[in-house]
Amino acid sequence: MTTISQVQFWDVREFPADYGDGTAVFLSVCVSEWNTPGILYGKAARECTREEVVHEARAQCKDALNDTGKAVLNVDADLHSWCIDPAVTGLGGHTPRNREQLLVHPTGTL
């Protein structure tokens, strides 16, 4: 997975105030491995429902980010909302697809 806070790229006065209750942050996650079983449900992302993909991605982010003893990504109750790109279809069914190409740079490249 690749994560980025996109707020710095948006032309808004103050993201938390303009998009939410004043406390929200925006974290974008790109799932690039859809075939390996995850840590939460034990199944590949392509086999998960949209909601399961979100919870699996969140679990993996928490596992990676909170390994310093400090909770960088807080409990699930703090999740305000989520969205999966509409180009990702058929999750949890027989024909999952992503109608958009994924660009992932190899490790060590710029």
PDB file of N, CA and C in Angstrom:
ATOM      1  N   MET A   1       0.834  -1.172   0.000  1.00  0.00           N
ATOM      2  CA  MET A   1       0.000   0.000   0.000  1.00  0.00           C
ATOM      3  C   MET A   1       0.882   1.238   0.000  1.00  0.00           C
ATOM      4  N   THR A   2       0.362   2.265  -0.610  1.00  0.00           N
ATOM      5  CA  THR A   2       1.016   3.560  -0.607  1.00  0.00           C
ATOM      6  C   THR A   2       0.037   4.555  -0.003  1.00  0.00           C
ATOM      7  N   THR A   3       0.496   5.389   0.910  1.00  0.00           N
ATOM      8  CA  THR A   3      -0.381   6.374   1.535  1.00  0.00           C
ATOM      9  C   THR A   3       0.179   7.773   1.322  1.00  0.00           C
ATOM     10  N   ILE A   4      -0.731   8.736   1.263  1.00  0.00           N
ATOM     11  CA  ILE A   4      -0.333  10.129   1.142  1.00  0.00           C
ATOM     12  C   ILE A   4      -1.430  11.006   1.718  1.00  0.00           C
ATOM     13  N   SER A   5      -1.022  12.065   2.371  1.00  0.00           N
ATOM     14  CA  SER A   5      -1.974  13.090   2.783  1.00  0.00           C
ATOM     15  C   SER A   5      -2.060  14.069   1.627  1.00  0.00           C
ATOM     16  N   GLN A   6      -3.218  14.167   1.003  1.00  0.00           N
ATOM     17  CA  GLN A   6      -3.355  14.983  -0.196  1.00  0.00           C
ATOM     18  C   GLN A   6      -3.661  16.447   0.085  1.00  0.00           C
ATOM     19  N   VAL A   7      -3.843  16.797   1.332  1.00  0.00           N
ATOM     20  CA  VAL A   7      -4.266  18.152   1.679  1.00  0.00           C
ATOM     21  C   VAL A   7      -3.330  19.214   1.113  1.00  0.00           C
ATOM     22  N   GLN A   8      -2.026  18.951   1.130  1.00  0.00           N
ATOM     23  CA  GLN A   8      -1.081  19.961   0.648  1.00  0.00           C
ATOM     24  C   GLN A   8      -1.249  20.264  -0.839  1.00  0.00           C
ATOM     25  N   PHE A   9      -1.925  19.395  -1.576  1.00  0.00           N
ATOM     26  CA  PHE A   9      -2.123  19.597  -3.001  1.00  0.00           C
ATOM     27  C   PHE A   9      -3.455  20.264  -3.336  1.00  0.00           C
ATOM     28  N   TRP A  10      -4.306  20.461  -2.344  1.00  0.00           N
ATOM     29  CA  TRP A  10      -5.629  21.044  -2.552  1.00  0.00           C
ATOM     30  C   TRP A  10      -5.577  22.539  -2.310  1.00  0.00           C
ATOM     31  N   ASP A  11      -6.264  23.281  -3.113  1.00  0.00           N
ATOM     32  CA  ASP A  11      -6.330  24.736  -2.955  1.00  0.00           C
ATOM     33  C   ASP A  11      -7.512  25.085  -2.049  1.00  0.00           C
ATOM     34  N   VAL A  12      -7.329  24.847  -0.760  1.00  0.00           N
ATOM     35  CA  VAL A  12      -8.371  25.163   0.225  1.00  0.00           C
ATOM     36  C   VAL A  12      -7.748  26.008   1.327  1.00  0.00           C
ATOM     37  N   ARG A  13      -8.558  26.797   1.975  1.00  0.00           N
ATOM     38  CA  ARG A  13      -8.043  27.637   3.051  1.00  0.00           C
ATOM     39  C   ARG A  13      -7.561  26.795   4.219  1.00  0.00           C
ATOM     40  N   GLU A  14      -8.425  25.956   4.717  1.00  0.00           N
ATOM     41  CA  GLU A  14      -8.072  25.097   5.849  1.00  0.00           C
ATOM     42  C   GLU A  14      -8.889  23.818   5.718  1.00  0.00           C
ATOM     43  N   PHE A  15      -8.227  22.750   5.347  1.00  0.00           N
ATOM     44  CA  PHE A  15      -8.937  21.510   5.041  1.00  0.00           C
ATOM     45  C   PHE A  15      -9.872  21.047   6.146  1.00  0.00           C
ATOM     46  N   PRO A  16      -9.425  20.927   7.411  1.00  0.00           N
ATOM     47  CA  PRO A  16     -10.328  20.407   8.449  1.00  0.00           C
ATOM     48  C   PRO A  16     -11.598  21.242   8.614  1.00  0.00           C
ATOM     49  N   ALA A  17     -11.482  22.536   8.475  1.00  0.00           N
ATOM     50  CA  ALA A  17     -12.652  23.403   8.636  1.00  0.00           C
ATOM     51  C   ALA A  17     -13.526  23.407   7.385  1.00  0.00           C
ATOM     52  N   ASP A  18     -12.898  23.340   6.215  1.00  0.00           N
ATOM     53  CA  ASP A  18     -13.656  23.390   4.962  1.00  0.00           C
ATOM     54  C   ASP A  18     -14.341  22.073   4.631  1.00  0.00           C
ATOM     55  N   TYR A  19     -13.755  20.963   5.083  1.00  0.00           N
ATOM     56  CA  TYR A  19     -14.291  19.637   4.770  1.00  0.00           C
ATOM     57  C   TYR A  19     -14.516  18.835   6.041  1.00  0.00           C
ATOM     58  N   GLY A  20     -15.437  19.250   6.850  1.00  0.00           N
ATOM     59  CA  GLY A  20     -15.736  18.460   8.038  1.00  0.00           C
ATOM     60  C   GLY A  20     -15.995  19.312   9.256  1.00  0.00           C
ATOM     61  N   ASP A  21     -15.752  18.727  10.382  1.00  0.00           N
ATOM     62  CA  ASP A  21     -16.086  19.355  11.654  1.00  0.00           C
ATOM     63  C   ASP A  21     -14.899  20.080  12.283  1.00  0.00           C
ATOM     64  N   GLY A  22     -13.830  20.276  11.546  1.00  0.00           N
ATOM     65  CA  GLY A  22     -12.661  20.963  12.072  1.00  0.00           C
ATOM     66  C   GLY A  22     -11.570  20.032  12.566  1.00  0.00           C
ATOM     67  N   THR A  23     -11.846  18.738  12.632  1.00  0.00           N
ATOM     68  CA  THR A  23     -10.857  17.794  13.140  1.00  0.00           C
ATOM     69  C   THR A  23     -10.395  16.787  12.089  1.00  0.00           C
ATOM     70  N   ALA A  24     -11.026  16.776  10.933  1.00  0.00           N
ATOM     71  CA  ALA A  24     -10.749  15.753   9.928  1.00  0.00           C
ATOM     72  C   ALA A  24      -9.417  15.975   9.218  1.00  0.00           C
ATOM     73  N   VAL A  25      -8.783  14.866   8.860  1.00  0.00           N
ATOM     74  CA  VAL A  25      -7.622  14.875   7.975  1.00  0.00           C
ATOM     75  C   VAL A  25      -7.955  13.951   6.811  1.00  0.00           C
ATOM     76  N   PHE A  26      -7.254  14.092   5.709  1.00  0.00           N
ATOM     77  CA  PHE A  26      -7.521  13.296   4.517  1.00  0.00           C
ATOM     78  C   PHE A  26      -6.322  12.411   4.259  1.00  0.00           C
ATOM     79  N   LEU A  27      -6.537  11.111   4.299  1.00  0.00           N
ATOM     80  CA  LEU A  27      -5.473  10.154   4.018  1.00  0.00           C
ATOM     81  C   LEU A  27      -5.901   9.323   2.817  1.00  0.00           C
ATOM     82  N   SER A  28      -5.109   9.365   1.772  1.00  0.00           N
ATOM     83  CA  SER A  28      -5.384   8.592   0.567  1.00  0.00           C
ATOM     84  C   SER A  28      -4.507   7.344   0.588  1.00  0.00           C
ATOM     85  N   VAL A  29      -5.115   6.186   0.314  1.00  0.00           N
ATOM     86  CA  VAL A  29      -4.394   4.914   0.333  1.00  0.00           C
ATOM     87  C   VAL A  29      -4.565   4.234  -1.021  1.00  0.00           C
ATOM     88  N   CYS A  30      -3.460   3.833  -1.609  1.00  0.00           N
ATOM     89  CA  CYS A  30      -3.480   3.105  -2.869  1.00  0.00           C
ATOM     90  C   CYS A  30      -3.149   1.649  -2.575  1.00  0.00           C
ATOM     91  N   VAL A  31      -4.107   0.771  -2.805  1.00  0.00           N
ATOM     92  CA  VAL A  31      -3.903  -0.669  -2.621  1.00  0.00           C
ATOM     93  C   VAL A  31      -3.364  -1.214  -3.938  1.00  0.00           C
ATOM     94  N   SER A  32      -2.167  -1.750  -3.919  1.00  0.00           N
ATOM     95  CA  SER A  32      -1.589  -2.249  -5.165  1.00  0.00           C
ATOM     96  C   SER A  32      -1.452  -3.770  -5.193  1.00  0.00           C
ATOM     97  N   GLU A  33      -1.661  -4.421  -4.085  1.00  0.00           N
ATOM     98  CA  GLU A  33      -1.610  -5.893  -4.033  1.00  0.00           C
ATOM     99  C   GLU A  33      -2.997  -6.410  -3.671  1.00  0.00           C
ATOM    100  N   TRP A  34      -3.646  -7.030  -4.635  1.00  0.00           N
ATOM    101  CA  TRP A  34      -5.032  -7.476  -4.462  1.00  0.00           C
ATOM    102  C   TRP A  34      -5.161  -8.981  -4.314  1.00  0.00           C
ATOM    103  N   ASN A  35      -4.040  -9.724  -4.349  1.00  0.00           N
ATOM    104  CA  ASN A  35      -4.105 -11.182  -4.363  1.00  0.00           C
ATOM    105  C   ASN A  35      -3.600 -11.868  -3.099  1.00  0.00           C
ATOM    106  N   THR A  36      -2.881 -11.156  -2.242  1.00  0.00           N
ATOM    107  CA  THR A  36      -2.326 -11.740  -1.022  1.00  0.00           C
ATOM    108  C   THR A  36      -3.314 -11.578   0.131  1.00  0.00           C
ATOM    109  N   PRO A  37      -3.558 -12.624   0.904  1.00  0.00           N
ATOM    110  CA  PRO A  37      -4.470 -12.505   2.043  1.00  0.00           C
ATOM    111  C   PRO A  37      -4.006 -11.431   3.027  1.00  0.00           C
ATOM    112  N   GLY A  38      -4.961 -10.682   3.539  1.00  0.00           N
ATOM    113  CA  GLY A  38      -4.667  -9.588   4.470  1.00  0.00           C
ATOM    114  C   GLY A  38      -4.597 -10.059   5.908  1.00  0.00           C
ATOM    115  N   ILE A  39      -4.355  -9.114   6.809  1.00  0.00           N
ATOM    116  CA  ILE A  39      -4.168  -9.435   8.224  1.00  0.00           C
ATOM    117  C   ILE A  39      -5.464  -9.429   9.019  1.00  0.00           C
ATOM    118  N   LEU A  40      -6.516  -8.832   8.493  1.00  0.00           N
ATOM    119  CA  LEU A  40      -7.755  -8.699   9.250  1.00  0.00           C
ATOM    120  C   LEU A  40      -8.757  -9.808   8.933  1.00  0.00           C
ATOM    121  N   TYR A  41      -8.993 -10.063   7.664  1.00  0.00           N
ATOM    122  CA  TYR A  41      -9.986 -11.061   7.256  1.00  0.00           C
ATOM    123  C   TYR A  41      -9.371 -12.350   6.722  1.00  0.00           C
ATOM    124  N   GLY A  42      -8.058 -12.343   6.461  1.00  0.00           N
ATOM    125  CA  GLY A  42      -7.392 -13.536   5.958  1.00  0.00           C
ATOM    126  C   GLY A  42      -7.751 -13.888   4.528  1.00  0.00           C
ATOM    127  N   LYS A  43      -8.226 -12.905   3.784  1.00  0.00           N
ATOM    128  CA  LYS A  43      -8.526 -13.153   2.371  1.00  0.00           C
ATOM    129  C   LYS A  43      -7.981 -12.007   1.533  1.00  0.00           C
ATOM    130  N   ALA A  44      -7.807 -12.281   0.244  1.00  0.00           N
ATOM    131  CA  ALA A  44      -7.270 -11.271  -0.664  1.00  0.00           C
ATOM    132  C   ALA A  44      -8.251 -10.116  -0.810  1.00  0.00           C
ATOM    133  N   ALA A  45      -7.729  -8.921  -1.073  1.00  0.00           N
ATOM    134  CA  ALA A  45      -8.578  -7.733  -1.214  1.00  0.00           C
ATOM    135  C   ALA A  45      -9.622  -7.927  -2.310  1.00  0.00           C
ATOM    136  N   ARG A  46      -9.273  -8.609  -3.381  1.00  0.00           N
ATOM    137  CA  ARG A  46     -10.220  -8.828  -4.489  1.00  0.00           C
ATOM    138  C   ARG A  46     -11.421  -9.664  -4.052  1.00  0.00           C
ATOM    139  N   GLU A  47     -11.271 -10.419  -2.961  1.00  0.00           N
ATOM    140  CA  GLU A  47     -12.358 -11.247  -2.439  1.00  0.00           C
ATOM    141  C   GLU A  47     -13.205 -10.505  -1.407  1.00  0.00           C
ATOM    142  N   CYS A  48     -12.732  -9.343  -0.980  1.00  0.00           N
ATOM    143  CA  CYS A  48     -13.418  -8.571   0.055  1.00  0.00           C
ATOM    144  C   CYS A  48     -14.485  -7.657  -0.536  1.00  0.00           C
ATOM    145  N   THR A  49     -15.462  -7.309   0.282  1.00  0.00           N
ATOM    146  CA  THR A  49     -16.415  -6.275  -0.107  1.00  0.00           C
ATOM    147  C   THR A  49     -15.708  -4.934  -0.038  1.00  0.00           C
ATOM    148  N   ARG A  50     -16.347  -3.887  -0.551  1.00  0.00           N
ATOM    149  CA  ARG A  50     -15.762  -2.553  -0.497  1.00  0.00           C
ATOM    150  C   ARG A  50     -15.464  -2.152   0.958  1.00  0.00           C
ATOM    151  N   GLU A  51     -16.411  -2.403   1.840  1.00  0.00           N
ATOM    152  CA  GLU A  51     -16.223  -2.047   3.250  1.00  0.00           C
ATOM    153  C   GLU A  51     -15.080  -2.846   3.870  1.00  0.00           C
ATOM    154  N   GLU A  52     -14.981  -4.124   3.536  1.00  0.00           N
ATOM    155  CA  GLU A  52     -13.884  -4.947   4.064  1.00  0.00           C
ATOM    156  C   GLU A  52     -12.535  -4.445   3.561  1.00  0.00           C
ATOM    157  N   VAL A  53     -12.455  -3.998   2.314  1.00  0.00           N
ATOM    158  CA  VAL A  53     -11.203  -3.454   1.783  1.00  0.00           C
ATOM    159  C   VAL A  53     -10.782  -2.236   2.602  1.00  0.00           C
ATOM    160  N   VAL A  54     -11.734  -1.375   2.924  1.00  0.00           N
ATOM    161  CA  VAL A  54     -11.434  -0.185   3.719  1.00  0.00           C
ATOM    162  C   VAL A  54     -10.919  -0.581   5.097  1.00  0.00           C
ATOM    163  N   HIS A  55     -11.600  -1.502   5.750  1.00  0.00           N
ATOM    164  CA  HIS A  55     -11.182  -1.912   7.093  1.00  0.00           C
ATOM    165  C   HIS A  55      -9.846  -2.654   7.073  1.00  0.00           C
ATOM    166  N   GLU A  56      -9.618  -3.448   6.036  1.00  0.00           N
ATOM    167  CA  GLU A  56      -8.333  -4.154   5.890  1.00  0.00           C
ATOM    168  C   GLU A  56      -7.204  -3.147   5.672  1.00  0.00           C
ATOM    169  N   ALA A  57      -7.411  -2.193   4.784  1.00  0.00           N
ATOM    170  CA  ALA A  57      -6.388  -1.178   4.530  1.00  0.00           C
ATOM    171  C   ALA A  57      -6.106  -0.388   5.795  1.00  0.00           C
ATOM    172  N   ARG A  58      -7.147  -0.036   6.523  1.00  0.00           N
ATOM    173  CA  ARG A  58      -6.978   0.710   7.778  1.00  0.00           C
ATOM    174  C   ARG A  58      -6.198  -0.125   8.806  1.00  0.00           C
ATOM    175  N   ALA A  59      -6.506  -1.405   8.907  1.00  0.00           N
ATOM    176  CA  ALA A  59      -5.792  -2.275   9.842  1.00  0.00           C
ATOM    177  C   ALA A  59      -4.311  -2.346   9.488  1.00  0.00           C
ATOM    178  N   GLN A  60      -4.002  -2.451   8.205  1.00  0.00           N
ATOM    179  CA  GLN A  60      -2.601  -2.522   7.791  1.00  0.00           C
ATOM    180  C   GLN A  60      -1.889  -1.190   8.012  1.00  0.00           C
ATOM    181  N   CYS A  61      -2.585  -0.082   7.786  1.00  0.00           N
ATOM    182  CA  CYS A  61      -1.989   1.233   8.055  1.00  0.00           C
ATOM    183  C   CYS A  61      -1.711   1.394   9.547  1.00  0.00           C
ATOM    184  N   LYS A  62      -2.677   1.010  10.373  1.00  0.00           N
ATOM    185  CA  LYS A  62      -2.476   1.108  11.822  1.00  0.00           C
ATOM    186  C   LYS A  62      -1.306   0.240  12.250  1.00  0.00           C
ATOM    187  N   ASP A  63      -1.207  -0.962  11.709  1.00  0.00           N
ATOM    188  CA  ASP A  63      -0.130  -1.878  12.054  1.00  0.00           C
ATOM    189  C   ASP A  63       1.231  -1.272  11.701  1.00  0.00           C
ATOM    190  N   ALA A  64       1.312  -0.627  10.551  1.00  0.00           N
ATOM    191  CA  ALA A  64       2.577  -0.050  10.097  1.00  0.00           C
ATOM    192  C   ALA A  64       2.902   1.272  10.796  1.00  0.00           C
ATOM    193  N   LEU A  65       1.907   2.118  10.985  1.00  0.00           N
ATOM    194  CA  LEU A  65       2.152   3.458  11.517  1.00  0.00           C
ATOM    195  C   LEU A  65       2.241   3.520  13.034  1.00  0.00           C
ATOM    196  N   ASN A  66       1.588   2.608  13.713  1.00  0.00           N
ATOM    197  CA  ASN A  66       1.556   2.660  15.169  1.00  0.00           C
ATOM    198  C   ASN A  66       2.618   1.781  15.824  1.00  0.00           C
ATOM    199  N   ASP A  67       3.643   1.404  15.080  1.00  0.00           N
ATOM    200  CA  ASP A  67       4.648   0.498  15.623  1.00  0.00           C
ATOM    201  C   ASP A  67       5.683   1.191  16.506  1.00  0.00           C
ATOM    202  N   THR A  68       5.563   2.490  16.689  1.00  0.00           N
ATOM    203  CA  THR A  68       6.526   3.225  17.501  1.00  0.00           C
ATOM    204  C   THR A  68       6.074   3.355  18.953  1.00  0.00           C
ATOM    205  N   GLY A  69       4.926   2.780  19.285  1.00  0.00           N
ATOM    206  CA  GLY A  69       4.385   2.914  20.627  1.00  0.00           C
ATOM    207  C   GLY A  69       3.454   4.104  20.763  1.00  0.00           C
ATOM    208  N   LYS A  70       3.423   4.960  19.747  1.00  0.00           N
ATOM    209  CA  LYS A  70       2.529   6.112  19.738  1.00  0.00           C
ATOM    210  C   LYS A  70       1.466   5.877  18.676  1.00  0.00           C
ATOM    211  N   ALA A  71       0.201   6.102  19.024  1.00  0.00           N
ATOM    212  CA  ALA A  71      -0.898   5.885  18.081  1.00  0.00           C
ATOM    213  C   ALA A  71      -0.976   7.039  17.083  1.00  0.00           C
ATOM    214  N   VAL A  72      -0.366   6.842  15.915  1.00  0.00           N
ATOM    215  CA  VAL A  72      -0.418   7.833  14.849  1.00  0.00           C
ATOM    216  C   VAL A  72      -1.797   7.795  14.181  1.00  0.00           C
ATOM    217  N   LEU A  73      -2.285   6.588  13.970  1.00  0.00           N
ATOM    218  CA  LEU A  73      -3.609   6.382  13.397  1.00  0.00           C
ATOM    219  C   LEU A  73      -4.466   5.785  14.504  1.00  0.00           C
ATOM    220  N   ASN A  74      -5.484   6.502  14.909  1.00  0.00           N
ATOM    221  CA  ASN A  74      -6.269   6.130  16.082  1.00  0.00           C
ATOM    222  C   ASN A  74      -7.292   5.039  15.807  1.00  0.00           C
ATOM    223  N   VAL A  75      -8.093   4.764  16.801  1.00  0.00           N
ATOM    224  CA  VAL A  75      -9.052   3.663  16.764  1.00  0.00           C
ATOM    225  C   VAL A  75     -10.078   3.835  15.645  1.00  0.00           C
ATOM    226  N   ASP A  76     -10.727   2.754  15.305  1.00  0.00           N
ATOM    227  CA  ASP A  76     -11.692   2.757  14.204  1.00  0.00           C
ATOM    228  C   ASP A  76     -12.837   3.733  14.411  1.00  0.00           C
ATOM    229  N   ALA A  77     -13.166   4.038  15.654  1.00  0.00           N
ATOM    230  CA  ALA A  77     -14.251   4.987  15.919  1.00  0.00           C
ATOM    231  C   ALA A  77     -13.912   6.375  15.393  1.00  0.00           C
ATOM    232  N   ASP A  78     -12.631   6.651  15.162  1.00  0.00           N
ATOM    233  CA  ASP A  78     -12.221   7.961  14.651  1.00  0.00           C
ATOM    234  C   ASP A  78     -12.390   8.087  13.135  1.00  0.00           C
ATOM    235  N   LEU A  79     -12.704   6.999  12.458  1.00  0.00           N
ATOM    236  CA  LEU A  79     -12.879   7.047  11.009  1.00  0.00           C
ATOM    237  C   LEU A  79     -14.132   7.853  10.691  1.00  0.00           C
ATOM    238  N   HIS A  80     -13.951   8.963  10.006  1.00  0.00           N
ATOM    239  CA  HIS A  80     -15.070   9.859   9.689  1.00  0.00           C
ATOM    240  C   HIS A  80     -15.863   9.346   8.497  1.00  0.00           C
ATOM    241  N   SER A  81     -15.199   9.052   7.403  1.00  0.00           N
ATOM    242  CA  SER A  81     -15.857   8.558   6.190  1.00  0.00           C
ATOM    243  C   SER A  81     -14.794   7.982   5.265  1.00  0.00           C
ATOM    244  N   TRP A  82     -15.242   7.313   4.231  1.00  0.00           N
ATOM    245  CA  TRP A  82     -14.312   6.731   3.285  1.00  0.00           C
ATOM    246  C   TRP A  82     -14.951   6.648   1.907  1.00  0.00           C
ATOM    247  N   CYS A  83     -14.100   6.465   0.903  1.00  0.00           N
ATOM    248  CA  CYS A  83     -14.555   6.347  -0.481  1.00  0.00           C
ATOM    249  C   CYS A  83     -13.561   5.476  -1.228  1.00  0.00           C
ATOM    250  N   ILE A  84     -14.073   4.562  -2.028  1.00  0.00           N
ATOM    251  CA  ILE A  84     -13.221   3.771  -2.926  1.00  0.00           C
ATOM    252  C   ILE A  84     -13.491   4.271  -4.336  1.00  0.00           C
ATOM    253  N   ASP A  85     -12.436   4.423  -5.107  1.00  0.00           N
ATOM    254  CA  ASP A  85     -12.554   4.896  -6.483  1.00  0.00           C
ATOM    255  C   ASP A  85     -13.642   4.112  -7.211  1.00  0.00           C
ATOM    256  N   PRO A  86     -14.574   4.794  -7.855  1.00  0.00           N
ATOM    257  CA  PRO A  86     -15.644   4.105  -8.584  1.00  0.00           C
ATOM    258  C   PRO A  86     -15.136   3.219  -9.721  1.00  0.00           C
ATOM    259  N   ALA A  87     -13.878   3.391 -10.126  1.00  0.00           N
ATOM    260  CA  ALA A  87     -13.303   2.538 -11.173  1.00  0.00           C
ATOM    261  C   ALA A  87     -13.063   1.118 -10.666  1.00  0.00           C
ATOM    262  N   VAL A  88     -13.064   0.926  -9.345  1.00  0.00           N
ATOM    263  CA  VAL A  88     -12.895  -0.403  -8.756  1.00  0.00           C
ATOM    264  C   VAL A  88     -14.285  -1.013  -8.593  1.00  0.00           C
ATOM    265  N   THR A  89     -14.533  -2.090  -9.324  1.00  0.00           N
ATOM    266  CA  THR A  89     -15.866  -2.692  -9.338  1.00  0.00           C
ATOM    267  C   THR A  89     -15.792  -4.193  -9.065  1.00  0.00           C
ATOM    268  N   GLY A  90     -16.925  -4.775  -8.688  1.00  0.00           N
ATOM    269  CA  GLY A  90     -17.048  -6.225  -8.549  1.00  0.00           C
ATOM    270  C   GLY A  90     -16.366  -6.823  -7.338  1.00  0.00           C
ATOM    271  N   LEU A  91     -15.976  -6.010  -6.368  1.00  0.00           N
ATOM    272  CA  LEU A  91     -15.296  -6.560  -5.193  1.00  0.00           C
ATOM    273  C   LEU A  91     -16.200  -7.534  -4.453  1.00  0.00           C
ATOM    274  N   GLY A  92     -15.612  -8.619  -3.970  1.00  0.00           N
ATOM    275  CA  GLY A  92     -16.364  -9.637  -3.247  1.00  0.00           C
ATOM    276  C   GLY A  92     -17.134 -10.572  -4.161  1.00  0.00           C
ATOM    277  N   GLY A  93     -17.045 -10.349  -5.453  1.00  0.00           N
ATOM    278  CA  GLY A  93     -17.761 -11.182  -6.419  1.00  0.00           C
ATOM    279  C   GLY A  93     -16.804 -11.965  -7.291  1.00  0.00           C
ATOM    280  N   HIS A  94     -17.317 -12.425  -8.426  1.00  0.00           N
ATOM    281  CA  HIS A  94     -16.518 -13.272  -9.311  1.00  0.00           C
ATOM    282  C   HIS A  94     -15.668 -12.497 -10.314  1.00  0.00           C
ATOM    283  N   THR A  95     -15.967 -11.200 -10.497  1.00  0.00           N
ATOM    284  CA  THR A  95     -15.252 -10.441 -11.527  1.00  0.00           C
ATOM    285  C   THR A  95     -14.788  -9.074 -11.024  1.00  0.00           C
ATOM    286  N   PRO A  96     -13.918  -9.038 -10.009  1.00  0.00           N
ATOM    287  CA  PRO A  96     -13.414  -7.738  -9.571  1.00  0.00           C
ATOM    288  C   PRO A  96     -12.547  -7.107 -10.656  1.00  0.00           C
ATOM    289  N   ARG A  97     -12.645  -5.787 -10.789  1.00  0.00           N
ATOM    290  CA  ARG A  97     -11.894  -5.069 -11.825  1.00  0.00           C
ATOM    291  C   ARG A  97     -11.501  -3.696 -11.324  1.00  0.00           C
ATOM    292  N   ASN A  98     -10.426  -3.187 -11.891  1.00  0.00           N
ATOM    293  CA  ASN A  98     -10.063  -1.792 -11.749  1.00  0.00           C
ATOM    294  C   ASN A  98      -9.925  -1.251 -13.158  1.00  0.00           C
ATOM    295  N   ARG A  99     -10.817  -0.355 -13.529  1.00  0.00           N
ATOM    296  CA  ARG A  99     -10.836   0.164 -14.897  1.00  0.00           C
ATOM    297  C   ARG A  99      -9.733   1.186 -15.151  1.00  0.00           C
ATOM    298  N   GLU A 100      -8.963   1.536 -14.119  1.00  0.00           N
ATOM    299  CA  GLU A 100      -7.866   2.483 -14.292  1.00  0.00           C
ATOM    300  C   GLU A 100      -6.539   1.777 -14.058  1.00  0.00           C
ATOM    301  N   GLN A 101      -5.525   2.174 -14.819  1.00  0.00           N
ATOM    302  CA  GLN A 101      -4.199   1.590 -14.663  1.00  0.00           C
ATOM    303  C   GLN A 101      -3.569   2.100 -13.380  1.00  0.00           C
ATOM    304  N   LEU A 102      -2.750   1.266 -12.768  1.00  0.00           N
ATOM    305  CA  LEU A 102      -2.029   1.622 -11.558  1.00  0.00           C
ATOM    306  C   LEU A 102      -0.567   1.814 -11.901  1.00  0.00           C
ATOM    307  N   LEU A 103      -0.024   2.948 -11.490  1.00  0.00           N
ATOM    308  CA  LEU A 103       1.399   3.224 -11.696  1.00  0.00           C
ATOM    309  C   LEU A 103       2.092   3.139 -10.344  1.00  0.00           C
ATOM    310  N   VAL A 104       2.985   2.192 -10.221  1.00  0.00           N
ATOM    311  CA  VAL A 104       3.771   2.041  -9.002  1.00  0.00           C
ATOM    312  C   VAL A 104       5.239   2.004  -9.409  1.00  0.00           C
ATOM    313  N   HIS A 105       6.022   2.943  -8.883  1.00  0.00           N
ATOM    314  CA  HIS A 105       7.439   2.971  -9.180  1.00  0.00           C
ATOM    315  C   HIS A 105       8.158   1.886  -8.396  1.00  0.00           C
ATOM    316  N   PRO A 106       9.128   1.211  -9.010  1.00  0.00           N
ATOM    317  CA  PRO A 106       9.898   0.200  -8.289  1.00  0.00           C
ATOM    318  C   PRO A 106      10.638   0.819  -7.097  1.00  0.00           C
ATOM    319  N   THR A 107      10.869   0.016  -6.072  1.00  0.00           N
ATOM    320  CA  THR A 107      11.594   0.466  -4.895  1.00  0.00           C
ATOM    321  C   THR A 107      12.942   1.042  -5.280  1.00  0.00           C
ATOM    322  N   GLY A 108      13.277   2.179  -4.703  1.00  0.00           N
ATOM    323  CA  GLY A 108      14.557   2.795  -4.952  1.00  0.00           C
ATOM    324  C   GLY A 108      14.584   3.773  -6.100  1.00  0.00           C
ATOM    325  N   THR A 109      13.477   3.911  -6.838  1.00  0.00           N
ATOM    326  CA  THR A 109      13.436   4.865  -7.948  1.00  0.00           C
ATOM    327  C   THR A 109      12.762   6.140  -7.474  1.00  0.00           C
ATOM    328  N   LEU A 110      12.993   7.195  -8.221  1.00  0.00           N
ATOM    329  CA  LEU A 110      12.368   8.479  -7.892  1.00  0.00           C
ATOM    330  C   LEU A 110      11.220   8.767  -8.837  1.00  0.00           C
TER     331      LEU A 110
END
